[in-house]
Amino acid sequence: MVLEIVKYGHPSLRQKGARIAKVDDKLRQLAADMLETMDAAHGVGLAAQQVGVPIQLTVIDVADVEDRPSTMSIGGKEVPLEGQMPLILLNPVLELGPDKEIGVEGCLSFPEMTAEIPRSLHVKARATTLDGEQVEFEATGLLARALQHEVDHLNGVLFIDRMNAATRTALASRLKRLQKETSGD
């Protein structure tokens, strides 16, 4: 089922997600609905906060993005993305590489808004799967950027928090309008 994606101004976007201790059918259904929602919105990632559920769950799928390549390595060996996507990650933790680059990002909770955001080029990720397995992998490219963006969401951090002051100032009126629409004022 396609869920409503909450927009900037909704309180769940600023909530740190609760750690997931147990996987049940309700959580599996939420993950499936989030994948369907992400696909319907043509996104590459979606955090539970974006559908109004503040827990440590995110879904990511960058397999079909050809203009922004990614790599994924497990145990030091590169693996084909197609066999790993979509990712459904519970309680993810990232270790960020030291080298950064600025790249364009958007967010499904900020319709038609993009900005240049600095992110680490390389990340190591640890998470739990829906099967309860611990996974560890390394990522570069769009996958590394998407992981950082989604894990930020899980911690109540938004991509606007990572913008430089000039960009935030330039987008201020659009952000204020979106926040006002969301809160219904």
N, C-alpha and C. Protein backbone atom coordinates (compact mmCIF):
# COMPACT_ATOMS: atom_id res chain seq x y z
N MET A 1 0.84 -1.18 0.00
CA MET A 1 0.00 0.00 0.00
C MET A 1 0.89 1.25 0.00
N VAL A 2 0.55 2.19 -0.85
CA VAL A 2 1.30 3.44 -0.89
C VAL A 2 0.88 4.32 0.29
N LEU A 3 1.85 4.74 1.06
CA LEU A 3 1.61 5.55 2.25
C LEU A 3 1.79 7.03 1.92
N GLU A 4 1.25 7.89 2.75
CA GLU A 4 1.45 9.32 2.59
C GLU A 4 2.85 9.69 3.07
N ILE A 5 3.57 10.42 2.27
CA ILE A 5 4.89 10.92 2.67
C ILE A 5 4.67 12.27 3.34
N VAL A 6 5.09 12.37 4.59
CA VAL A 6 4.90 13.63 5.30
C VAL A 6 5.89 14.67 4.80
N LYS A 7 5.48 15.91 4.86
CA LYS A 7 6.28 17.02 4.35
C LYS A 7 6.94 17.77 5.50
N TYR A 8 7.92 18.60 5.12
CA TYR A 8 8.63 19.43 6.08
C TYR A 8 7.63 20.19 6.95
N GLY A 9 7.87 20.15 8.24
CA GLY A 9 6.95 20.76 9.19
C GLY A 9 6.24 19.71 10.02
N HIS A 10 6.17 18.46 9.50
CA HIS A 10 5.54 17.38 10.27
C HIS A 10 6.48 16.98 11.41
N PRO A 11 5.96 16.84 12.62
CA PRO A 11 6.83 16.58 13.78
C PRO A 11 7.65 15.30 13.70
N SER A 12 7.18 14.27 13.02
CA SER A 12 7.93 13.01 12.98
C SER A 12 9.29 13.17 12.28
N LEU A 13 9.40 14.17 11.39
CA LEU A 13 10.67 14.36 10.68
C LEU A 13 11.80 14.80 11.60
N ARG A 14 11.47 15.36 12.74
CA ARG A 14 12.49 15.82 13.69
C ARG A 14 12.68 14.84 14.85
N GLN A 15 12.00 13.69 14.79
CA GLN A 15 12.12 12.72 15.89
C GLN A 15 13.21 11.71 15.61
N LYS A 16 14.03 11.44 16.61
CA LYS A 16 15.00 10.35 16.50
C LYS A 16 14.21 9.05 16.59
N GLY A 17 14.48 8.16 15.66
CA GLY A 17 13.73 6.90 15.62
C GLY A 17 14.05 5.98 16.77
N ALA A 18 13.01 5.30 17.25
CA ALA A 18 13.20 4.31 18.30
C ALA A 18 13.92 3.09 17.71
N ARG A 19 14.81 2.52 18.49
CA ARG A 19 15.53 1.32 18.07
C ARG A 19 14.53 0.17 17.92
N ILE A 20 14.71 -0.64 16.91
CA ILE A 20 13.83 -1.79 16.66
C ILE A 20 14.42 -3.01 17.34
N ALA A 21 13.67 -3.58 18.28
CA ALA A 21 14.15 -4.73 19.03
C ALA A 21 13.63 -6.05 18.45
N LYS A 22 12.46 -6.00 17.83
CA LYS A 22 11.84 -7.25 17.37
C LYS A 22 11.18 -7.03 16.01
N VAL A 23 11.38 -7.99 15.12
CA VAL A 23 10.73 -7.94 13.81
C VAL A 23 9.46 -8.76 13.88
N ASP A 24 8.35 -8.13 13.50
CA ASP A 24 7.08 -8.84 13.46
C ASP A 24 6.39 -8.56 12.12
N ASP A 25 5.20 -9.13 11.93
CA ASP A 25 4.49 -8.97 10.66
C ASP A 25 4.14 -7.51 10.39
N LYS A 26 3.85 -6.76 11.45
CA LYS A 26 3.52 -5.34 11.28
C LYS A 26 4.72 -4.57 10.71
N LEU A 27 5.91 -4.87 11.22
CA LEU A 27 7.13 -4.21 10.74
C LEU A 27 7.43 -4.63 9.29
N ARG A 28 7.26 -5.93 8.99
CA ARG A 28 7.47 -6.41 7.62
C ARG A 28 6.52 -5.70 6.66
N GLN A 29 5.26 -5.52 7.07
CA GLN A 29 4.28 -4.84 6.22
C GLN A 29 4.65 -3.37 6.03
N LEU A 30 5.11 -2.72 7.09
CA LEU A 30 5.53 -1.33 6.99
C LEU A 30 6.69 -1.21 5.99
N ALA A 31 7.67 -2.12 6.07
CA ALA A 31 8.81 -2.09 5.14
C ALA A 31 8.34 -2.29 3.70
N ALA A 32 7.42 -3.23 3.48
CA ALA A 32 6.89 -3.46 2.13
C ALA A 32 6.14 -2.23 1.62
N ASP A 33 5.34 -1.62 2.49
CA ASP A 33 4.61 -0.41 2.12
C ASP A 33 5.56 0.74 1.82
N MET A 34 6.65 0.83 2.59
CA MET A 34 7.63 1.89 2.35
C MET A 34 8.32 1.71 1.00
N LEU A 35 8.63 0.47 0.63
CA LEU A 35 9.23 0.21 -0.68
C LEU A 35 8.27 0.63 -1.79
N GLU A 36 7.02 0.27 -1.64
CA GLU A 36 6.00 0.63 -2.64
C GLU A 36 5.85 2.15 -2.73
N THR A 37 5.86 2.80 -1.58
CA THR A 37 5.74 4.26 -1.52
C THR A 37 6.93 4.93 -2.18
N MET A 38 8.14 4.45 -1.87
CA MET A 38 9.36 5.00 -2.46
C MET A 38 9.34 4.85 -3.98
N ASP A 39 8.95 3.68 -4.46
CA ASP A 39 8.88 3.44 -5.90
C ASP A 39 7.86 4.36 -6.56
N ALA A 40 6.69 4.48 -5.94
CA ALA A 40 5.62 5.32 -6.51
C ALA A 40 6.05 6.79 -6.59
N ALA A 41 6.90 7.21 -5.64
CA ALA A 41 7.37 8.60 -5.60
C ALA A 41 8.66 8.80 -6.40
N HIS A 42 9.16 7.72 -7.01
CA HIS A 42 10.39 7.77 -7.80
C HIS A 42 11.58 8.21 -6.96
N GLY A 43 11.63 7.73 -5.72
CA GLY A 43 12.74 8.04 -4.83
C GLY A 43 13.76 6.91 -4.81
N VAL A 44 14.90 7.18 -4.18
CA VAL A 44 15.93 6.15 -4.03
C VAL A 44 16.08 5.73 -2.56
N GLY A 45 15.37 6.43 -1.68
CA GLY A 45 15.43 6.09 -0.26
C GLY A 45 14.23 6.67 0.47
N LEU A 46 13.88 6.02 1.56
CA LEU A 46 12.75 6.50 2.37
C LEU A 46 12.98 6.01 3.80
N ALA A 47 12.87 6.93 4.74
CA ALA A 47 13.00 6.61 6.16
C ALA A 47 11.61 6.53 6.78
N ALA A 48 11.47 5.72 7.81
CA ALA A 48 10.17 5.56 8.47
C ALA A 48 9.59 6.89 8.94
N GLN A 49 10.45 7.81 9.37
CA GLN A 49 9.97 9.13 9.80
C GLN A 49 9.18 9.82 8.69
N GLN A 50 9.53 9.55 7.44
CA GLN A 50 8.88 10.21 6.31
C GLN A 50 7.47 9.69 6.05
N VAL A 51 7.12 8.60 6.70
CA VAL A 51 5.73 8.11 6.63
C VAL A 51 5.08 8.21 8.02
N GLY A 52 5.68 9.05 8.87
CA GLY A 52 5.10 9.37 10.17
C GLY A 52 5.35 8.36 11.27
N VAL A 53 6.33 7.46 11.07
CA VAL A 53 6.63 6.42 12.07
C VAL A 53 8.08 6.59 12.53
N PRO A 54 8.30 7.17 13.70
CA PRO A 54 9.67 7.44 14.15
C PRO A 54 10.38 6.22 14.74
N ILE A 55 10.83 5.32 13.84
CA ILE A 55 11.61 4.15 14.23
C ILE A 55 12.86 4.08 13.34
N GLN A 56 13.80 3.22 13.70
CA GLN A 56 15.06 3.08 12.98
C GLN A 56 14.92 2.09 11.81
N LEU A 57 14.16 2.49 10.79
CA LEU A 57 13.92 1.67 9.60
C LEU A 57 14.04 2.54 8.36
N THR A 58 14.84 2.07 7.39
CA THR A 58 14.93 2.77 6.12
C THR A 58 14.98 1.77 4.98
N VAL A 59 14.51 2.21 3.83
CA VAL A 59 14.60 1.41 2.60
C VAL A 59 15.35 2.24 1.56
N ILE A 60 16.19 1.56 0.77
CA ILE A 60 17.00 2.22 -0.24
C ILE A 60 17.08 1.33 -1.47
N ASP A 61 17.01 1.94 -2.65
CA ASP A 61 17.21 1.21 -3.89
C ASP A 61 17.81 2.14 -4.93
N VAL A 62 19.09 1.94 -5.22
CA VAL A 62 19.78 2.77 -6.22
C VAL A 62 20.18 1.96 -7.45
N ALA A 63 19.69 0.73 -7.56
CA ALA A 63 20.12 -0.18 -8.63
C ALA A 63 19.85 0.37 -10.03
N ASP A 64 18.76 1.10 -10.23
CA ASP A 64 18.40 1.57 -11.56
C ASP A 64 18.90 2.97 -11.90
N VAL A 65 19.69 3.56 -11.01
CA VAL A 65 20.19 4.92 -11.26
C VAL A 65 21.52 4.81 -12.00
N GLU A 66 21.49 5.13 -13.30
CA GLU A 66 22.68 4.95 -14.12
C GLU A 66 23.56 6.19 -14.19
N ASP A 67 22.98 7.38 -13.99
CA ASP A 67 23.77 8.60 -14.14
C ASP A 67 24.54 8.97 -12.87
N ARG A 68 24.30 8.26 -11.78
CA ARG A 68 25.03 8.49 -10.52
C ARG A 68 25.45 7.13 -9.97
N PRO A 69 26.57 6.59 -10.48
CA PRO A 69 26.96 5.23 -10.14
C PRO A 69 27.27 5.03 -8.65
N SER A 70 27.13 3.78 -8.23
CA SER A 70 27.39 3.38 -6.85
C SER A 70 28.19 2.09 -6.86
N THR A 71 28.91 1.85 -5.76
CA THR A 71 29.51 0.53 -5.55
C THR A 71 29.11 0.06 -4.16
N MET A 72 29.09 -1.26 -4.03
CA MET A 72 28.80 -1.88 -2.73
C MET A 72 29.78 -3.03 -2.58
N SER A 73 30.42 -3.10 -1.41
CA SER A 73 31.37 -4.17 -1.13
C SER A 73 30.98 -4.87 0.16
N ILE A 74 31.07 -6.18 0.12
CA ILE A 74 30.81 -6.99 1.31
C ILE A 74 32.07 -7.83 1.55
N GLY A 75 32.62 -7.71 2.76
CA GLY A 75 33.85 -8.44 3.07
C GLY A 75 35.01 -8.04 2.18
N GLY A 76 35.03 -6.76 1.76
CA GLY A 76 36.11 -6.27 0.93
C GLY A 76 35.99 -6.60 -0.55
N LYS A 77 34.91 -7.28 -0.93
CA LYS A 77 34.72 -7.68 -2.32
C LYS A 77 33.49 -6.98 -2.90
N GLU A 78 33.69 -6.31 -4.06
CA GLU A 78 32.58 -5.60 -4.69
C GLU A 78 31.52 -6.60 -5.17
N VAL A 79 30.25 -6.26 -4.91
CA VAL A 79 29.13 -7.12 -5.31
C VAL A 79 28.21 -6.33 -6.24
N PRO A 80 27.51 -7.03 -7.16
CA PRO A 80 26.58 -6.33 -8.05
C PRO A 80 25.41 -5.75 -7.25
N LEU A 81 25.09 -4.48 -7.51
CA LEU A 81 24.00 -3.82 -6.79
C LEU A 81 22.67 -4.53 -6.99
N GLU A 82 22.42 -5.00 -8.21
CA GLU A 82 21.12 -5.60 -8.52
C GLU A 82 20.77 -6.74 -7.57
N GLY A 83 21.77 -7.50 -7.16
CA GLY A 83 21.52 -8.62 -6.25
C GLY A 83 21.29 -8.21 -4.81
N GLN A 84 21.57 -6.94 -4.48
CA GLN A 84 21.47 -6.47 -3.10
C GLN A 84 20.29 -5.53 -2.86
N MET A 85 19.74 -4.98 -3.93
CA MET A 85 18.67 -3.99 -3.82
C MET A 85 17.32 -4.65 -3.93
N PRO A 86 16.30 -4.13 -3.30
CA PRO A 86 16.36 -2.99 -2.40
C PRO A 86 16.92 -3.38 -1.04
N LEU A 87 17.50 -2.41 -0.36
CA LEU A 87 17.99 -2.61 1.00
C LEU A 87 16.87 -2.24 1.98
N ILE A 88 16.66 -3.08 2.95
CA ILE A 88 15.76 -2.77 4.07
C ILE A 88 16.64 -2.88 5.31
N LEU A 89 16.90 -1.74 5.94
CA LEU A 89 17.86 -1.69 7.04
C LEU A 89 17.20 -1.27 8.34
N LEU A 90 17.46 -2.04 9.39
CA LEU A 90 16.97 -1.74 10.73
C LEU A 90 18.16 -1.31 11.58
N ASN A 91 17.97 -0.27 12.36
CA ASN A 91 19.00 0.21 13.29
C ASN A 91 20.36 0.42 12.63
N PRO A 92 20.41 1.07 11.46
CA PRO A 92 21.70 1.23 10.78
C PRO A 92 22.63 2.20 11.49
N VAL A 93 23.92 1.87 11.42
CA VAL A 93 24.98 2.72 11.97
C VAL A 93 26.01 2.89 10.86
N LEU A 94 26.45 4.13 10.66
CA LEU A 94 27.42 4.41 9.61
C LEU A 94 28.75 4.87 10.19
N GLU A 95 29.80 4.48 9.51
CA GLU A 95 31.14 4.99 9.78
C GLU A 95 31.54 5.75 8.52
N LEU A 96 31.71 7.06 8.65
CA LEU A 96 31.94 7.91 7.48
C LEU A 96 33.42 8.02 7.15
N GLY A 97 33.72 7.92 5.86
CA GLY A 97 35.09 8.12 5.40
C GLY A 97 35.46 9.59 5.50
N PRO A 98 36.76 9.90 5.51
CA PRO A 98 37.20 11.29 5.71
C PRO A 98 37.01 12.20 4.49
N ASP A 99 37.03 11.62 3.29
CA ASP A 99 36.94 12.44 2.08
C ASP A 99 35.49 12.77 1.76
N LYS A 100 35.25 14.04 1.46
CA LYS A 100 33.88 14.49 1.19
C LYS A 100 33.77 15.07 -0.22
N GLU A 101 32.54 15.11 -0.72
CA GLU A 101 32.25 15.80 -1.97
C GLU A 101 30.89 16.46 -1.84
N ILE A 102 30.71 17.50 -2.61
CA ILE A 102 29.42 18.19 -2.63
C ILE A 102 28.63 17.64 -3.80
N GLY A 103 27.37 17.29 -3.55
CA GLY A 103 26.53 16.75 -4.60
C GLY A 103 25.09 17.20 -4.41
N VAL A 104 24.33 17.12 -5.49
CA VAL A 104 22.93 17.55 -5.45
C VAL A 104 22.09 16.47 -4.77
N GLU A 105 21.25 16.93 -3.84
CA GLU A 105 20.32 16.05 -3.15
C GLU A 105 18.94 16.65 -3.17
N GLY A 106 17.96 15.77 -3.18
CA GLY A 106 16.58 16.16 -2.98
C GLY A 106 16.04 15.30 -1.86
N CYS A 107 14.77 15.50 -1.54
CA CYS A 107 14.15 14.73 -0.46
C CYS A 107 12.66 14.67 -0.73
N LEU A 108 12.09 13.49 -0.58
CA LEU A 108 10.66 13.32 -0.85
C LEU A 108 9.79 14.14 0.10
N SER A 109 10.33 14.52 1.25
CA SER A 109 9.58 15.36 2.19
C SER A 109 9.71 16.85 1.89
N PHE A 110 10.49 17.18 0.87
CA PHE A 110 10.70 18.56 0.41
C PHE A 110 10.47 18.58 -1.10
N PRO A 111 9.21 18.50 -1.54
CA PRO A 111 8.93 18.38 -2.98
C PRO A 111 9.58 19.49 -3.81
N GLU A 112 10.14 19.06 -4.93
CA GLU A 112 10.71 19.98 -5.92
C GLU A 112 11.78 20.91 -5.35
N MET A 113 12.51 20.44 -4.36
CA MET A 113 13.57 21.23 -3.76
C MET A 113 14.86 20.39 -3.78
N THR A 114 15.94 20.99 -4.27
CA THR A 114 17.24 20.32 -4.24
C THR A 114 18.28 21.32 -3.75
N ALA A 115 19.38 20.77 -3.30
CA ALA A 115 20.49 21.62 -2.85
C ALA A 115 21.77 20.82 -2.91
N GLU A 116 22.88 21.53 -2.96
CA GLU A 116 24.18 20.88 -2.92
C GLU A 116 24.55 20.64 -1.46
N ILE A 117 24.82 19.37 -1.16
CA ILE A 117 25.07 18.95 0.21
C ILE A 117 26.41 18.21 0.27
N PRO A 118 27.29 18.56 1.23
CA PRO A 118 28.53 17.81 1.38
C PRO A 118 28.27 16.48 2.10
N ARG A 119 28.83 15.41 1.55
CA ARG A 119 28.71 14.07 2.15
C ARG A 119 30.03 13.33 1.98
N SER A 120 30.25 12.34 2.83
CA SER A 120 31.42 11.49 2.70
C SER A 120 31.31 10.65 1.43
N LEU A 121 32.44 10.46 0.76
CA LEU A 121 32.48 9.67 -0.47
C LEU A 121 32.31 8.17 -0.20
N HIS A 122 32.69 7.75 1.00
CA HIS A 122 32.76 6.32 1.32
C HIS A 122 32.16 6.11 2.71
N VAL A 123 31.30 5.12 2.84
CA VAL A 123 30.76 4.78 4.16
C VAL A 123 30.84 3.28 4.41
N LYS A 124 30.96 2.94 5.68
CA LYS A 124 30.81 1.56 6.13
C LYS A 124 29.49 1.53 6.88
N ALA A 125 28.66 0.56 6.57
CA ALA A 125 27.34 0.47 7.21
C ALA A 125 27.21 -0.86 7.94
N ARG A 126 26.56 -0.79 9.10
CA ARG A 126 26.17 -1.97 9.87
C ARG A 126 24.69 -1.83 10.16
N ALA A 127 23.95 -2.91 9.97
CA ALA A 127 22.51 -2.86 10.21
C ALA A 127 22.00 -4.28 10.40
N THR A 128 20.72 -4.36 10.71
CA THR A 128 20.03 -5.64 10.83
C THR A 128 19.03 -5.72 9.68
N THR A 129 18.83 -6.92 9.15
CA THR A 129 17.85 -7.13 8.08
C THR A 129 16.52 -7.54 8.71
N LEU A 130 15.49 -7.62 7.88
CA LEU A 130 14.18 -8.10 8.36
C LEU A 130 14.25 -9.55 8.83
N ASP A 131 15.27 -10.29 8.38
CA ASP A 131 15.45 -11.68 8.81
C ASP A 131 16.22 -11.76 10.13
N GLY A 132 16.59 -10.61 10.68
CA GLY A 132 17.33 -10.60 11.94
C GLY A 132 18.82 -10.79 11.78
N GLU A 133 19.30 -10.83 10.53
CA GLU A 133 20.73 -11.00 10.28
C GLU A 133 21.44 -9.66 10.39
N GLN A 134 22.68 -9.71 10.91
CA GLN A 134 23.53 -8.52 10.94
C GLN A 134 24.23 -8.43 9.58
N VAL A 135 24.20 -7.26 8.97
CA VAL A 135 24.91 -7.06 7.70
C VAL A 135 25.92 -5.94 7.86
N GLU A 136 27.03 -6.08 7.17
CA GLU A 136 28.04 -5.03 7.11
C GLU A 136 28.47 -4.90 5.67
N PHE A 137 28.55 -3.67 5.20
CA PHE A 137 28.99 -3.44 3.83
C PHE A 137 29.58 -2.05 3.71
N GLU A 138 30.28 -1.83 2.61
CA GLU A 138 30.85 -0.52 2.31
C GLU A 138 30.18 -0.01 1.05
N ALA A 139 30.06 1.31 0.94
CA ALA A 139 29.39 1.90 -0.22
C ALA A 139 30.09 3.17 -0.65
N THR A 140 29.99 3.44 -1.96
CA THR A 140 30.45 4.69 -2.53
C THR A 140 29.36 5.21 -3.46
N GLY A 141 29.58 6.40 -3.99
CA GLY A 141 28.65 6.95 -4.98
C GLY A 141 27.30 7.30 -4.38
N LEU A 142 26.27 7.17 -5.21
CA LEU A 142 24.92 7.52 -4.78
C LEU A 142 24.47 6.69 -3.59
N LEU A 143 24.88 5.42 -3.52
CA LEU A 143 24.48 4.58 -2.38
C LEU A 143 25.03 5.16 -1.08
N ALA A 144 26.29 5.60 -1.08
CA ALA A 144 26.87 6.20 0.13
C ALA A 144 26.10 7.46 0.51
N ARG A 145 25.76 8.29 -0.47
CA ARG A 145 25.01 9.52 -0.23
C ARG A 145 23.61 9.19 0.31
N ALA A 146 22.93 8.23 -0.30
CA ALA A 146 21.58 7.87 0.13
C ALA A 146 21.60 7.32 1.56
N LEU A 147 22.58 6.50 1.87
CA LEU A 147 22.69 5.97 3.24
C LEU A 147 22.83 7.10 4.26
N GLN A 148 23.69 8.07 3.96
CA GLN A 148 23.89 9.19 4.89
C GLN A 148 22.62 10.01 5.03
N HIS A 149 21.93 10.24 3.91
CA HIS A 149 20.69 11.03 3.93
C HIS A 149 19.63 10.31 4.77
N GLU A 150 19.45 9.01 4.54
CA GLU A 150 18.40 8.27 5.25
C GLU A 150 18.74 8.08 6.73
N VAL A 151 19.99 7.80 7.05
CA VAL A 151 20.36 7.65 8.47
C VAL A 151 20.21 8.99 9.19
N ASP A 152 20.48 10.09 8.50
CA ASP A 152 20.18 11.40 9.08
C ASP A 152 18.70 11.48 9.45
N HIS A 153 17.82 11.09 8.52
CA HIS A 153 16.37 11.10 8.81
C HIS A 153 16.06 10.30 10.08
N LEU A 154 16.68 9.14 10.22
CA LEU A 154 16.41 8.28 11.37
C LEU A 154 16.82 8.94 12.68
N ASN A 155 17.69 9.94 12.57
CA ASN A 155 18.14 10.68 13.75
C ASN A 155 17.52 12.07 13.86
N GLY A 156 16.50 12.33 13.04
CA GLY A 156 15.81 13.62 13.10
C GLY A 156 16.55 14.77 12.44
N VAL A 157 17.56 14.43 11.61
CA VAL A 157 18.35 15.43 10.90
C VAL A 157 17.86 15.49 9.46
N LEU A 158 17.63 16.69 8.95
CA LEU A 158 17.13 16.88 7.59
C LEU A 158 18.21 17.44 6.69
N PHE A 159 18.07 17.22 5.38
CA PHE A 159 19.12 17.70 4.48
C PHE A 159 19.26 19.21 4.51
N ILE A 160 18.21 19.93 4.90
CA ILE A 160 18.35 21.39 5.03
C ILE A 160 19.32 21.76 6.15
N ASP A 161 19.49 20.86 7.12
CA ASP A 161 20.43 21.11 8.21
C ASP A 161 21.88 21.03 7.72
N ARG A 162 22.09 20.41 6.58
CA ARG A 162 23.43 20.22 6.02
C ARG A 162 23.75 21.26 4.94
N MET A 163 22.77 22.10 4.59
CA MET A 163 22.99 23.12 3.57
C MET A 163 23.88 24.23 4.11
N ASN A 164 24.58 24.91 3.20
CA ASN A 164 25.33 26.07 3.66
C ASN A 164 24.34 27.22 3.89
N ALA A 165 24.78 28.22 4.59
CA ALA A 165 23.90 29.33 5.00
C ALA A 165 23.29 30.06 3.80
N ALA A 166 24.07 30.23 2.74
CA ALA A 166 23.57 30.95 1.56
C ALA A 166 22.42 30.18 0.91
N THR A 167 22.56 28.87 0.81
CA THR A 167 21.50 28.05 0.20
C THR A 167 20.26 28.07 1.08
N ARG A 168 20.44 27.94 2.37
CA ARG A 168 19.31 27.97 3.30
C ARG A 168 18.57 29.31 3.22
N THR A 169 19.33 30.38 3.11
CA THR A 169 18.73 31.71 2.98
C THR A 169 17.94 31.81 1.67
N ALA A 170 18.53 31.30 0.58
CA ALA A 170 17.87 31.35 -0.73
C ALA A 170 16.56 30.55 -0.73
N LEU A 171 16.50 29.48 0.05
CA LEU A 171 15.31 28.62 0.09
C LEU A 171 14.35 28.98 1.23
N ALA A 172 14.69 29.97 2.03
CA ALA A 172 13.93 30.29 3.25
C ALA A 172 12.44 30.48 3.00
N SER A 173 12.07 31.24 1.99
CA SER A 173 10.64 31.50 1.77
C SER A 173 9.91 30.22 1.33
N ARG A 174 10.56 29.40 0.51
CA ARG A 174 9.93 28.13 0.10
C ARG A 174 9.78 27.19 1.29
N LEU A 175 10.79 27.16 2.15
CA LEU A 175 10.74 26.31 3.35
C LEU A 175 9.62 26.76 4.29
N LYS A 176 9.53 28.06 4.47
CA LYS A 176 8.49 28.62 5.35
C LYS A 176 7.10 28.29 4.81
N ARG A 177 6.92 28.43 3.50
CA ARG A 177 5.63 28.13 2.87
C ARG A 177 5.27 26.64 3.03
N LEU A 178 6.26 25.75 2.80
CA LEU A 178 6.03 24.32 2.94
C LEU A 178 5.68 23.97 4.38
N GLN A 179 6.39 24.55 5.31
CA GLN A 179 6.13 24.30 6.73
C GLN A 179 4.72 24.77 7.11
N LYS A 180 4.33 25.92 6.59
CA LYS A 180 3.00 26.47 6.87
C LYS A 180 1.90 25.58 6.28
N GLU A 181 2.10 25.10 5.05
CA GLU A 181 1.14 24.19 4.40
C GLU A 181 0.98 22.92 5.21
N THR A 182 2.11 22.40 5.70
CA THR A 182 2.09 21.14 6.46
C THR A 182 1.38 21.30 7.80
N SER A 183 1.63 22.41 8.47
CA SER A 183 1.03 22.59 9.78
C SER A 183 -0.42 23.06 9.68
N GLY A 184 -0.84 23.44 8.47
CA GLY A 184 -2.23 23.83 8.27
C GLY A 184 -2.58 25.23 8.76
N ASP A 185 -1.57 26.05 9.00
CA ASP A 185 -1.81 27.42 9.48
C ASP A 185 -2.26 28.33 8.35
